[in-house]
Amino acid sequence: ALAGHGIYDFFHDYLVSNPGVPPWWA
């Protein structure tokens, strides 16, 4: 799950538009 969340982070900006996320977070 931790590794999977890392993969999610990689694709996050393509999957979800979340205006609160700092640009460096993912």
mmCIF file of all heavy atoms, coordinates in Angstrom:
data_MODEL
# 
_entry.id   MODEL 
# 
loop_
_atom_site.group_PDB 
_atom_site.id 
_atom_site.type_symbol 
_atom_site.label_atom_id 
_atom_site.label_alt_id 
_atom_site.label_comp_id 
_atom_site.label_asym_id 
_atom_site.label_entity_id 
_atom_site.label_seq_id 
_atom_site.pdbx_PDB_ins_code 
_atom_site.Cartn_x 
_atom_site.Cartn_y 
_atom_site.Cartn_z 
_atom_site.occupancy 
_atom_site.B_iso_or_equiv 
_atom_site.pdbx_formal_charge 
_atom_site.auth_seq_id 
_atom_site.auth_comp_id 
_atom_site.auth_asym_id 
_atom_site.auth_atom_id 
_atom_site.pdbx_PDB_model_num 
ATOM 1   N N   . ALA A 1 1  ? 0.837  -1.210 0.000   1.00 0.00 ? 1  ALA A N   1 
ATOM 2   C CA  . ALA A 1 1  ? 0.000  0.000  0.000   1.00 0.00 ? 1  ALA A CA  1 
ATOM 3   C C   . ALA A 1 1  ? 0.869  1.256  0.000   1.00 0.00 ? 1  ALA A C   1 
ATOM 4   O O   . ALA A 1 1  ? 0.566  2.230  -0.701  1.00 0.00 ? 1  ALA A O   1 
ATOM 5   C CB  . ALA A 1 1  ? -0.944 -0.006 1.193   1.00 0.00 ? 1  ALA A CB  1 
ATOM 6   N N   . LEU A 1 2  ? 1.944  1.244  0.784   1.00 0.00 ? 2  LEU A N   1 
ATOM 7   C CA  . LEU A 1 2  ? 2.860  2.391  0.788   1.00 0.00 ? 2  LEU A CA  1 
ATOM 8   C C   . LEU A 1 2  ? 3.469  2.591  -0.600  1.00 0.00 ? 2  LEU A C   1 
ATOM 9   O O   . LEU A 1 2  ? 3.502  3.714  -1.120  1.00 0.00 ? 2  LEU A O   1 
ATOM 10  C CB  . LEU A 1 2  ? 3.967  2.188  1.823   1.00 0.00 ? 2  LEU A CB  1 
ATOM 11  C CG  . LEU A 1 2  ? 3.590  2.452  3.271   1.00 0.00 ? 2  LEU A CG  1 
ATOM 12  C CD1 . LEU A 1 2  ? 4.633  1.862  4.219   1.00 0.00 ? 2  LEU A CD1 1 
ATOM 13  C CD2 . LEU A 1 2  ? 3.410  3.941  3.516   1.00 0.00 ? 2  LEU A CD2 1 
ATOM 14  N N   . ALA A 1 3  ? 3.933  1.509  -1.216  1.00 0.00 ? 3  ALA A N   1 
ATOM 15  C CA  . ALA A 1 3  ? 4.489  1.608  -2.571  1.00 0.00 ? 3  ALA A CA  1 
ATOM 16  C C   . ALA A 1 3  ? 3.409  2.053  -3.555  1.00 0.00 ? 3  ALA A C   1 
ATOM 17  O O   . ALA A 1 3  ? 3.658  2.893  -4.429  1.00 0.00 ? 3  ALA A O   1 
ATOM 18  C CB  . ALA A 1 3  ? 5.086  0.271  -2.996  1.00 0.00 ? 3  ALA A CB  1 
ATOM 19  N N   . GLY A 1 4  ? 2.213  1.511  -3.394  1.00 0.00 ? 4  GLY A N   1 
ATOM 20  C CA  . GLY A 1 4  ? 1.098  1.898  -4.261  1.00 0.00 ? 4  GLY A CA  1 
ATOM 21  C C   . GLY A 1 4  ? 0.752  3.373  -4.129  1.00 0.00 ? 4  GLY A C   1 
ATOM 22  O O   . GLY A 1 4  ? 0.418  4.036  -5.116  1.00 0.00 ? 4  GLY A O   1 
ATOM 23  N N   . HIS A 1 5  ? 0.853  3.895  -2.923  1.00 0.00 ? 5  HIS A N   1 
ATOM 24  C CA  . HIS A 1 5  ? 0.587  5.320  -2.738  1.00 0.00 ? 5  HIS A CA  1 
ATOM 25  C C   . HIS A 1 5  ? 1.662  6.156  -3.420  1.00 0.00 ? 5  HIS A C   1 
ATOM 26  O O   . HIS A 1 5  ? 1.371  7.225  -3.959  1.00 0.00 ? 5  HIS A O   1 
ATOM 27  C CB  . HIS A 1 5  ? 0.480  5.674  -1.250  1.00 0.00 ? 5  HIS A CB  1 
ATOM 28  C CG  . HIS A 1 5  ? -0.177 7.002  -1.031  1.00 0.00 ? 5  HIS A CG  1 
ATOM 29  N ND1 . HIS A 1 5  ? 0.538  8.174  -1.028  1.00 0.00 ? 5  HIS A ND1 1 
ATOM 30  C CD2 . HIS A 1 5  ? -1.476 7.327  -0.835  1.00 0.00 ? 5  HIS A CD2 1 
ATOM 31  C CE1 . HIS A 1 5  ? -0.304 9.172  -0.822  1.00 0.00 ? 5  HIS A CE1 1 
ATOM 32  N NE2 . HIS A 1 5  ? -1.536 8.679  -0.708  1.00 0.00 ? 5  HIS A NE2 1 
ATOM 33  N N   . GLY A 1 6  ? 2.896  5.648  -3.427  1.00 0.00 ? 6  GLY A N   1 
ATOM 34  C CA  . GLY A 1 6  ? 3.952  6.338  -4.169  1.00 0.00 ? 6  GLY A CA  1 
ATOM 35  C C   . GLY A 1 6  ? 3.632  6.404  -5.655  1.00 0.00 ? 6  GLY A C   1 
ATOM 36  O O   . GLY A 1 6  ? 3.833  7.437  -6.300  1.00 0.00 ? 6  GLY A O   1 
ATOM 37  N N   . ILE A 1 7  ? 3.111  5.317  -6.189  1.00 0.00 ? 7  ILE A N   1 
ATOM 38  C CA  . ILE A 1 7  ? 2.699  5.302  -7.600  1.00 0.00 ? 7  ILE A CA  1 
ATOM 39  C C   . ILE A 1 7  ? 1.543  6.281  -7.814  1.00 0.00 ? 7  ILE A C   1 
ATOM 40  O O   . ILE A 1 7  ? 1.511  7.026  -8.798  1.00 0.00 ? 7  ILE A O   1 
ATOM 41  C CB  . ILE A 1 7  ? 2.320  3.871  -8.038  1.00 0.00 ? 7  ILE A CB  1 
ATOM 42  C CG1 . ILE A 1 7  ? 3.571  2.991  -8.006  1.00 0.00 ? 7  ILE A CG1 1 
ATOM 43  C CG2 . ILE A 1 7  ? 1.667  3.865  -9.419  1.00 0.00 ? 7  ILE A CG2 1 
ATOM 44  C CD1 . ILE A 1 7  ? 3.286  1.503  -8.100  1.00 0.00 ? 7  ILE A CD1 1 
ATOM 45  N N   . TYR A 1 8  ? 0.602  6.292  -6.875  1.00 0.00 ? 8  TYR A N   1 
ATOM 46  C CA  . TYR A 1 8  ? -0.508 7.252  -6.936  1.00 0.00 ? 8  TYR A CA  1 
ATOM 47  C C   . TYR A 1 8  ? 0.028  8.684  -6.957  1.00 0.00 ? 8  TYR A C   1 
ATOM 48  O O   . TYR A 1 8  ? -0.453 9.524  -7.723  1.00 0.00 ? 8  TYR A O   1 
ATOM 49  C CB  . TYR A 1 8  ? -1.454 7.024  -5.756  1.00 0.00 ? 8  TYR A CB  1 
ATOM 50  C CG  . TYR A 1 8  ? -2.543 8.060  -5.629  1.00 0.00 ? 8  TYR A CG  1 
ATOM 51  C CD1 . TYR A 1 8  ? -3.470 8.252  -6.646  1.00 0.00 ? 8  TYR A CD1 1 
ATOM 52  C CD2 . TYR A 1 8  ? -2.651 8.851  -4.489  1.00 0.00 ? 8  TYR A CD2 1 
ATOM 53  C CE1 . TYR A 1 8  ? -4.462 9.207  -6.535  1.00 0.00 ? 8  TYR A CE1 1 
ATOM 54  C CE2 . TYR A 1 8  ? -3.645 9.795  -4.362  1.00 0.00 ? 8  TYR A CE2 1 
ATOM 55  C CZ  . TYR A 1 8  ? -4.542 9.969  -5.391  1.00 0.00 ? 8  TYR A CZ  1 
ATOM 56  O OH  . TYR A 1 8  ? -5.535 10.911 -5.275  1.00 0.00 ? 8  TYR A OH  1 
ATOM 57  N N   . ASP A 1 9  ? 1.026  8.975  -6.130  1.00 0.00 ? 9  ASP A N   1 
ATOM 58  C CA  . ASP A 1 9  ? 1.620  10.314 -6.112  1.00 0.00 ? 9  ASP A CA  1 
ATOM 59  C C   . ASP A 1 9  ? 2.155  10.696 -7.496  1.00 0.00 ? 9  ASP A C   1 
ATOM 60  O O   . ASP A 1 9  ? 1.995  11.839 -7.938  1.00 0.00 ? 9  ASP A O   1 
ATOM 61  C CB  . ASP A 1 9  ? 2.785  10.391 -5.109  1.00 0.00 ? 9  ASP A CB  1 
ATOM 62  C CG  . ASP A 1 9  ? 2.335  10.282 -3.672  1.00 0.00 ? 9  ASP A CG  1 
ATOM 63  O OD1 . ASP A 1 9  ? 1.298  10.871 -3.321  1.00 0.00 ? 9  ASP A OD1 1 
ATOM 64  O OD2 . ASP A 1 9  ? 3.024  9.605  -2.896  1.00 0.00 ? 9  ASP A OD2 1 
ATOM 65  N N   . PHE A 1 10 ? 2.778  9.731  -8.163  1.00 0.00 ? 10 PHE A N   1 
ATOM 66  C CA  . PHE A 1 10 ? 3.344  9.996  -9.488  1.00 0.00 ? 10 PHE A CA  1 
ATOM 67  C C   . PHE A 1 10 ? 2.270  10.444 -10.476 1.00 0.00 ? 10 PHE A C   1 
ATOM 68  O O   . PHE A 1 10 ? 2.489  11.340 -11.297 1.00 0.00 ? 10 PHE A O   1 
ATOM 69  C CB  . PHE A 1 10 ? 4.064  8.748  -10.009 1.00 0.00 ? 10 PHE A CB  1 
ATOM 70  C CG  . PHE A 1 10 ? 4.760  8.959  -11.314 1.00 0.00 ? 10 PHE A CG  1 
ATOM 71  C CD1 . PHE A 1 10 ? 6.000  9.590  -11.360 1.00 0.00 ? 10 PHE A CD1 1 
ATOM 72  C CD2 . PHE A 1 10 ? 4.182  8.538  -12.505 1.00 0.00 ? 10 PHE A CD2 1 
ATOM 73  C CE1 . PHE A 1 10 ? 6.645  9.795  -12.570 1.00 0.00 ? 10 PHE A CE1 1 
ATOM 74  C CE2 . PHE A 1 10 ? 4.821  8.731  -13.717 1.00 0.00 ? 10 PHE A CE2 1 
ATOM 75  C CZ  . PHE A 1 10 ? 6.058  9.368  -13.753 1.00 0.00 ? 10 PHE A CZ  1 
ATOM 76  N N   . PHE A 1 11 ? 1.097  9.828  -10.398 1.00 0.00 ? 11 PHE A N   1 
ATOM 77  C CA  . PHE A 1 11 ? 0.014  10.122 -11.340 1.00 0.00 ? 11 PHE A CA  1 
ATOM 78  C C   . PHE A 1 11 ? -1.019 11.098 -10.789 1.00 0.00 ? 11 PHE A C   1 
ATOM 79  O O   . PHE A 1 11 ? -1.971 11.438 -11.494 1.00 0.00 ? 11 PHE A O   1 
ATOM 80  C CB  . PHE A 1 11 ? -0.691 8.817  -11.748 1.00 0.00 ? 11 PHE A CB  1 
ATOM 81  C CG  . PHE A 1 11 ? 0.173  7.913  -12.572 1.00 0.00 ? 11 PHE A CG  1 
ATOM 82  C CD1 . PHE A 1 11 ? 0.747  6.784  -12.011 1.00 0.00 ? 11 PHE A CD1 1 
ATOM 83  C CD2 . PHE A 1 11 ? 0.433  8.194  -13.903 1.00 0.00 ? 11 PHE A CD2 1 
ATOM 84  C CE1 . PHE A 1 11 ? 1.554  5.945  -12.763 1.00 0.00 ? 11 PHE A CE1 1 
ATOM 85  C CE2 . PHE A 1 11 ? 1.239  7.370  -14.668 1.00 0.00 ? 11 PHE A CE2 1 
ATOM 86  C CZ  . PHE A 1 11 ? 1.797  6.241  -14.092 1.00 0.00 ? 11 PHE A CZ  1 
ATOM 87  N N   . HIS A 1 12 ? -0.856 11.550 -9.556  1.00 0.00 ? 12 HIS A N   1 
ATOM 88  C CA  . HIS A 1 12 ? -1.897 12.337 -8.883  1.00 0.00 ? 12 HIS A CA  1 
ATOM 89  C C   . HIS A 1 12 ? -2.383 13.524 -9.703  1.00 0.00 ? 12 HIS A C   1 
ATOM 90  O O   . HIS A 1 12 ? -3.589 13.717 -9.865  1.00 0.00 ? 12 HIS A O   1 
ATOM 91  C CB  . HIS A 1 12 ? -1.418 12.820 -7.500  1.00 0.00 ? 12 HIS A CB  1 
ATOM 92  C CG  . HIS A 1 12 ? -2.472 13.570 -6.771  1.00 0.00 ? 12 HIS A CG  1 
ATOM 93  N ND1 . HIS A 1 12 ? -2.595 14.941 -6.854  1.00 0.00 ? 12 HIS A ND1 1 
ATOM 94  C CD2 . HIS A 1 12 ? -3.485 13.144 -5.968  1.00 0.00 ? 12 HIS A CD2 1 
ATOM 95  C CE1 . HIS A 1 12 ? -3.630 15.322 -6.130  1.00 0.00 ? 12 HIS A CE1 1 
ATOM 96  N NE2 . HIS A 1 12 ? -4.179 14.252 -5.575  1.00 0.00 ? 12 HIS A NE2 1 
ATOM 97  N N   . ASP A 1 13 ? -1.475 14.334 -10.208 1.00 0.00 ? 13 ASP A N   1 
ATOM 98  C CA  . ASP A 1 13 ? -1.882 15.539 -10.926 1.00 0.00 ? 13 ASP A CA  1 
ATOM 99  C C   . ASP A 1 13 ? -2.667 15.238 -12.194 1.00 0.00 ? 13 ASP A C   1 
ATOM 100 O O   . ASP A 1 13 ? -3.439 16.074 -12.655 1.00 0.00 ? 13 ASP A O   1 
ATOM 101 C CB  . ASP A 1 13 ? -0.659 16.396 -11.265 1.00 0.00 ? 13 ASP A CB  1 
ATOM 102 C CG  . ASP A 1 13 ? -0.053 17.031 -10.025 1.00 0.00 ? 13 ASP A CG  1 
ATOM 103 O OD1 . ASP A 1 13 ? -0.717 17.058 -8.966  1.00 0.00 ? 13 ASP A OD1 1 
ATOM 104 O OD2 . ASP A 1 13 ? 1.104  17.497 -10.105 1.00 0.00 ? 13 ASP A OD2 1 
ATOM 105 N N   . TYR A 1 14 ? -2.497 14.048 -12.759 1.00 0.00 ? 14 TYR A N   1 
ATOM 106 C CA  . TYR A 1 14 ? -3.253 13.650 -13.951 1.00 0.00 ? 14 TYR A CA  1 
ATOM 107 C C   . TYR A 1 14 ? -4.626 13.097 -13.593 1.00 0.00 ? 14 TYR A C   1 
ATOM 108 O O   . TYR A 1 14 ? -5.517 13.062 -14.430 1.00 0.00 ? 14 TYR A O   1 
ATOM 109 C CB  . TYR A 1 14 ? -2.481 12.594 -14.749 1.00 0.00 ? 14 TYR A CB  1 
ATOM 110 C CG  . TYR A 1 14 ? -1.122 13.057 -15.191 1.00 0.00 ? 14 TYR A CG  1 
ATOM 111 C CD1 . TYR A 1 14 ? 0.020  12.602 -14.557 1.00 0.00 ? 14 TYR A CD1 1 
ATOM 112 C CD2 . TYR A 1 14 ? -0.979 13.974 -16.230 1.00 0.00 ? 14 TYR A CD2 1 
ATOM 113 C CE1 . TYR A 1 14 ? 1.275  13.030 -14.948 1.00 0.00 ? 14 TYR A CE1 1 
ATOM 114 C CE2 . TYR A 1 14 ? 0.274  14.420 -16.633 1.00 0.00 ? 14 TYR A CE2 1 
ATOM 115 C CZ  . TYR A 1 14 ? 1.393  13.942 -15.978 1.00 0.00 ? 14 TYR A CZ  1 
ATOM 116 O OH  . TYR A 1 14 ? 2.619  14.382 -16.368 1.00 0.00 ? 14 TYR A OH  1 
ATOM 117 N N   . LEU A 1 15 ? -4.776 12.658 -12.343 1.00 0.00 ? 15 LEU A N   1 
ATOM 118 C CA  . LEU A 1 15 ? -6.009 12.006 -11.914 1.00 0.00 ? 15 LEU A CA  1 
ATOM 119 C C   . LEU A 1 15 ? -6.969 12.931 -11.170 1.00 0.00 ? 15 LEU A C   1 
ATOM 120 O O   . LEU A 1 15 ? -8.184 12.795 -11.306 1.00 0.00 ? 15 LEU A O   1 
ATOM 121 C CB  . LEU A 1 15 ? -5.674 10.805 -11.009 1.00 0.00 ? 15 LEU A CB  1 
ATOM 122 C CG  . LEU A 1 15 ? -4.816 9.713  -11.621 1.00 0.00 ? 15 LEU A CG  1 
ATOM 123 C CD1 . LEU A 1 15 ? -4.403 8.702  -10.554 1.00 0.00 ? 15 LEU A CD1 1 
ATOM 124 C CD2 . LEU A 1 15 ? -5.573 9.035  -12.754 1.00 0.00 ? 15 LEU A CD2 1 
ATOM 125 N N   . VAL A 1 16 ? -6.418 13.828 -10.357 1.00 0.00 ? 16 VAL A N   1 
ATOM 126 C CA  . VAL A 1 16 ? -7.253 14.669 -9.498  1.00 0.00 ? 16 VAL A CA  1 
ATOM 127 C C   . VAL A 1 16 ? -6.760 16.110 -9.568  1.00 0.00 ? 16 VAL A C   1 
ATOM 128 O O   . VAL A 1 16 ? -5.571 16.373 -9.411  1.00 0.00 ? 16 VAL A O   1 
ATOM 129 C CB  . VAL A 1 16 ? -7.189 14.193 -8.017  1.00 0.00 ? 16 VAL A CB  1 
ATOM 130 C CG1 . VAL A 1 16 ? -8.106 15.041 -7.144  1.00 0.00 ? 16 VAL A CG1 1 
ATOM 131 C CG2 . VAL A 1 16 ? -7.529 12.728 -7.886  1.00 0.00 ? 16 VAL A CG2 1 
ATOM 132 N N   . SER A 1 17 ? -7.692 17.020 -9.771  1.00 0.00 ? 17 SER A N   1 
ATOM 133 C CA  . SER A 1 17 ? -7.362 18.440 -9.697  1.00 0.00 ? 17 SER A CA  1 
ATOM 134 C C   . SER A 1 17 ? -7.654 18.900 -8.278  1.00 0.00 ? 17 SER A C   1 
ATOM 135 O O   . SER A 1 17 ? -8.811 19.074 -7.896  1.00 0.00 ? 17 SER A O   1 
ATOM 136 C CB  . SER A 1 17 ? -8.199 19.232 -10.709 1.00 0.00 ? 17 SER A CB  1 
ATOM 137 O OG  . SER A 1 17 ? -7.932 20.607 -10.565 1.00 0.00 ? 17 SER A OG  1 
ATOM 138 N N   . ASN A 1 18 ? -6.603 19.055 -7.494  1.00 0.00 ? 18 ASN A N   1 
ATOM 139 C CA  . ASN A 1 18 ? -6.745 19.420 -6.081  1.00 0.00 ? 18 ASN A CA  1 
ATOM 140 C C   . ASN A 1 18 ? -5.961 20.708 -5.856  1.00 0.00 ? 18 ASN A C   1 
ATOM 141 O O   . ASN A 1 18 ? -4.736 20.680 -5.743  1.00 0.00 ? 18 ASN A O   1 
ATOM 142 C CB  . ASN A 1 18 ? -6.217 18.286 -5.198  1.00 0.00 ? 18 ASN A CB  1 
ATOM 143 C CG  . ASN A 1 18 ? -6.466 18.515 -3.731  1.00 0.00 ? 18 ASN A CG  1 
ATOM 144 O OD1 . ASN A 1 18 ? -6.677 19.637 -3.289  1.00 0.00 ? 18 ASN A OD1 1 
ATOM 145 N ND2 . ASN A 1 18 ? -6.428 17.447 -2.954  1.00 0.00 ? 18 ASN A ND2 1 
ATOM 146 N N   . PRO A 1 19 ? -6.675 21.858 -5.778  1.00 0.00 ? 19 PRO A N   1 
ATOM 147 C CA  . PRO A 1 19 ? -5.986 23.147 -5.696  1.00 0.00 ? 19 PRO A CA  1 
ATOM 148 C C   . PRO A 1 19 ? -5.203 23.374 -4.399  1.00 0.00 ? 19 PRO A C   1 
ATOM 149 O O   . PRO A 1 19 ? -4.364 24.271 -4.339  1.00 0.00 ? 19 PRO A O   1 
ATOM 150 C CB  . PRO A 1 19 ? -7.124 24.165 -5.820  1.00 0.00 ? 19 PRO A CB  1 
ATOM 151 C CG  . PRO A 1 19 ? -8.340 23.441 -5.360  1.00 0.00 ? 19 PRO A CG  1 
ATOM 152 C CD  . PRO A 1 19 ? -8.133 21.999 -5.763  1.00 0.00 ? 19 PRO A CD  1 
ATOM 153 N N   . GLY A 1 20 ? -5.420 22.566 -3.389  1.00 0.00 ? 20 GLY A N   1 
ATOM 154 C CA  . GLY A 1 20 ? -4.717 22.751 -2.129  1.00 0.00 ? 20 GLY A CA  1 
ATOM 155 C C   . GLY A 1 20 ? -3.348 22.108 -2.070  1.00 0.00 ? 20 GLY A C   1 
ATOM 156 O O   . GLY A 1 20 ? -2.568 22.381 -1.154  1.00 0.00 ? 20 GLY A O   1 
ATOM 157 N N   . VAL A 1 21 ? -3.032 21.263 -3.040  1.00 0.00 ? 21 VAL A N   1 
ATOM 158 C CA  . VAL A 1 21 ? -1.764 20.530 -3.025  1.00 0.00 ? 21 VAL A CA  1 
ATOM 159 C C   . VAL A 1 21 ? -0.625 21.453 -3.467  1.00 0.00 ? 21 VAL A C   1 
ATOM 160 O O   . VAL A 1 21 ? -0.667 21.995 -4.567  1.00 0.00 ? 21 VAL A O   1 
ATOM 161 C CB  . VAL A 1 21 ? -1.823 19.284 -3.948  1.00 0.00 ? 21 VAL A CB  1 
ATOM 162 C CG1 . VAL A 1 21 ? -0.491 18.559 -3.974  1.00 0.00 ? 21 VAL A CG1 1 
ATOM 163 C CG2 . VAL A 1 21 ? -2.930 18.346 -3.502  1.00 0.00 ? 21 VAL A CG2 1 
ATOM 164 N N   . PRO A 1 22 ? 0.401  21.602 -2.628  1.00 0.00 ? 22 PRO A N   1 
ATOM 165 C CA  . PRO A 1 22 ? 1.561  22.401 -3.054  1.00 0.00 ? 22 PRO A CA  1 
ATOM 166 C C   . PRO A 1 22 ? 2.246  21.742 -4.251  1.00 0.00 ? 22 PRO A C   1 
ATOM 167 O O   . PRO A 1 22 ? 2.217  20.514 -4.394  1.00 0.00 ? 22 PRO A O   1 
ATOM 168 C CB  . PRO A 1 22 ? 2.494  22.367 -1.830  1.00 0.00 ? 22 PRO A CB  1 
ATOM 169 C CG  . PRO A 1 22 ? 1.659  21.911 -0.686  1.00 0.00 ? 22 PRO A CG  1 
ATOM 170 C CD  . PRO A 1 22 ? 0.543  21.099 -1.260  1.00 0.00 ? 22 PRO A CD  1 
ATOM 171 N N   . PRO A 1 23 ? 2.873  22.527 -5.114  1.00 0.00 ? 23 PRO A N   1 
ATOM 172 C CA  . PRO A 1 23 ? 3.472  21.963 -6.326  1.00 0.00 ? 23 PRO A CA  1 
ATOM 173 C C   . PRO A 1 23 ? 4.563  20.920 -6.063  1.00 0.00 ? 23 PRO A C   1 
ATOM 174 O O   . PRO A 1 23 ? 4.793  20.043 -6.878  1.00 0.00 ? 23 PRO A O   1 
ATOM 175 C CB  . PRO A 1 23 ? 4.059  23.175 -7.054  1.00 0.00 ? 23 PRO A CB  1 
ATOM 176 C CG  . PRO A 1 23 ? 3.793  24.361 -6.215  1.00 0.00 ? 23 PRO A CG  1 
ATOM 177 C CD  . PRO A 1 23 ? 2.984  23.967 -5.034  1.00 0.00 ? 23 PRO A CD  1 
ATOM 178 N N   . TRP A 1 24 ? 5.216  20.980 -4.936  1.00 0.00 ? 24 TRP A N   1 
ATOM 179 C CA  . TRP A 1 24 ? 6.312  20.065 -4.621  1.00 0.00 ? 24 TRP A CA  1 
ATOM 180 C C   . TRP A 1 24 ? 5.841  18.801 -3.902  1.00 0.00 ? 24 TRP A C   1 
ATOM 181 O O   . TRP A 1 24 ? 6.603  17.869 -3.720  1.00 0.00 ? 24 TRP A O   1 
ATOM 182 C CB  . TRP A 1 24 ? 7.355  20.771 -3.735  1.00 0.00 ? 24 TRP A CB  1 
ATOM 183 C CG  . TRP A 1 24 ? 6.739  21.469 -2.558  1.00 0.00 ? 24 TRP A CG  1 
ATOM 184 C CD1 . TRP A 1 24 ? 6.357  22.777 -2.505  1.00 0.00 ? 24 TRP A CD1 1 
ATOM 185 C CD2 . TRP A 1 24 ? 6.392  20.898 -1.294  1.00 0.00 ? 24 TRP A CD2 1 
ATOM 186 N NE1 . TRP A 1 24 ? 5.794  23.053 -1.274  1.00 0.00 ? 24 TRP A NE1 1 
ATOM 187 C CE2 . TRP A 1 24 ? 5.803  21.911 -0.507  1.00 0.00 ? 24 TRP A CE2 1 
ATOM 188 C CE3 . TRP A 1 24 ? 6.520  19.624 -0.740  1.00 0.00 ? 24 TRP A CE3 1 
ATOM 189 C CZ2 . TRP A 1 24 ? 5.347  21.696 0.791   1.00 0.00 ? 24 TRP A CZ2 1 
ATOM 190 C CZ3 . TRP A 1 24 ? 6.062  19.411 0.555   1.00 0.00 ? 24 TRP A CZ3 1 
ATOM 191 C CH2 . TRP A 1 24 ? 5.485  20.440 1.299   1.00 0.00 ? 24 TRP A CH2 1 
ATOM 192 N N   . TRP A 1 25 ? 4.584  18.751 -3.481  1.00 0.00 ? 25 TRP A N   1 
ATOM 193 C CA  . TRP A 1 25 ? 4.120  17.687 -2.595  1.00 0.00 ? 25 TRP A CA  1 
ATOM 194 C C   . TRP A 1 25 ? 4.222  16.289 -3.204  1.00 0.00 ? 25 TRP A C   1 
ATOM 195 O O   . TRP A 1 25 ? 4.703  15.354 -2.555  1.00 0.00 ? 25 TRP A O   1 
ATOM 196 C CB  . TRP A 1 25 ? 2.681  17.932 -2.140  1.00 0.00 ? 25 TRP A CB  1 
ATOM 197 C CG  . TRP A 1 25 ? 2.224  16.818 -1.255  1.00 0.00 ? 25 TRP A CG  1 
ATOM 198 C CD1 . TRP A 1 25 ? 1.389  15.791 -1.576  1.00 0.00 ? 25 TRP A CD1 1 
ATOM 199 C CD2 . TRP A 1 25 ? 2.644  16.571 0.089   1.00 0.00 ? 25 TRP A CD2 1 
ATOM 200 N NE1 . TRP A 1 25 ? 1.258  14.932 -0.521  1.00 0.00 ? 25 TRP A NE1 1 
ATOM 201 C CE2 . TRP A 1 25 ? 2.023  15.400 0.520   1.00 0.00 ? 25 TRP A CE2 1 
ATOM 202 C CE3 . TRP A 1 25 ? 3.497  17.233 0.967   1.00 0.00 ? 25 TRP A CE3 1 
ATOM 203 C CZ2 . TRP A 1 25 ? 2.219  14.857 1.782   1.00 0.00 ? 25 TRP A CZ2 1 
ATOM 204 C CZ3 . TRP A 1 25 ? 3.683  16.709 2.234   1.00 0.00 ? 25 TRP A CZ3 1 
ATOM 205 C CH2 . TRP A 1 25 ? 3.052  15.534 2.621   1.00 0.00 ? 25 TRP A CH2 1 
ATOM 206 N N   . ALA A 1 26 ? 3.738  16.107 -4.425  1.00 0.00 ? 26 ALA A N   1 
ATOM 207 C CA  . ALA A 1 26 ? 3.698  14.767 -5.025  1.00 0.00 ? 26 ALA A CA  1 
ATOM 208 C C   . ALA A 1 26 ? 5.092  14.158 -5.105  1.00 0.00 ? 26 ALA A C   1 
ATOM 209 O O   . ALA A 1 26 ? 5.272  12.972 -4.813  1.00 0.00 ? 26 ALA A O   1 
ATOM 210 C CB  . ALA A 1 26 ? 3.043  14.814 -6.400  1.00 0.00 ? 26 ALA A CB  1 
# 
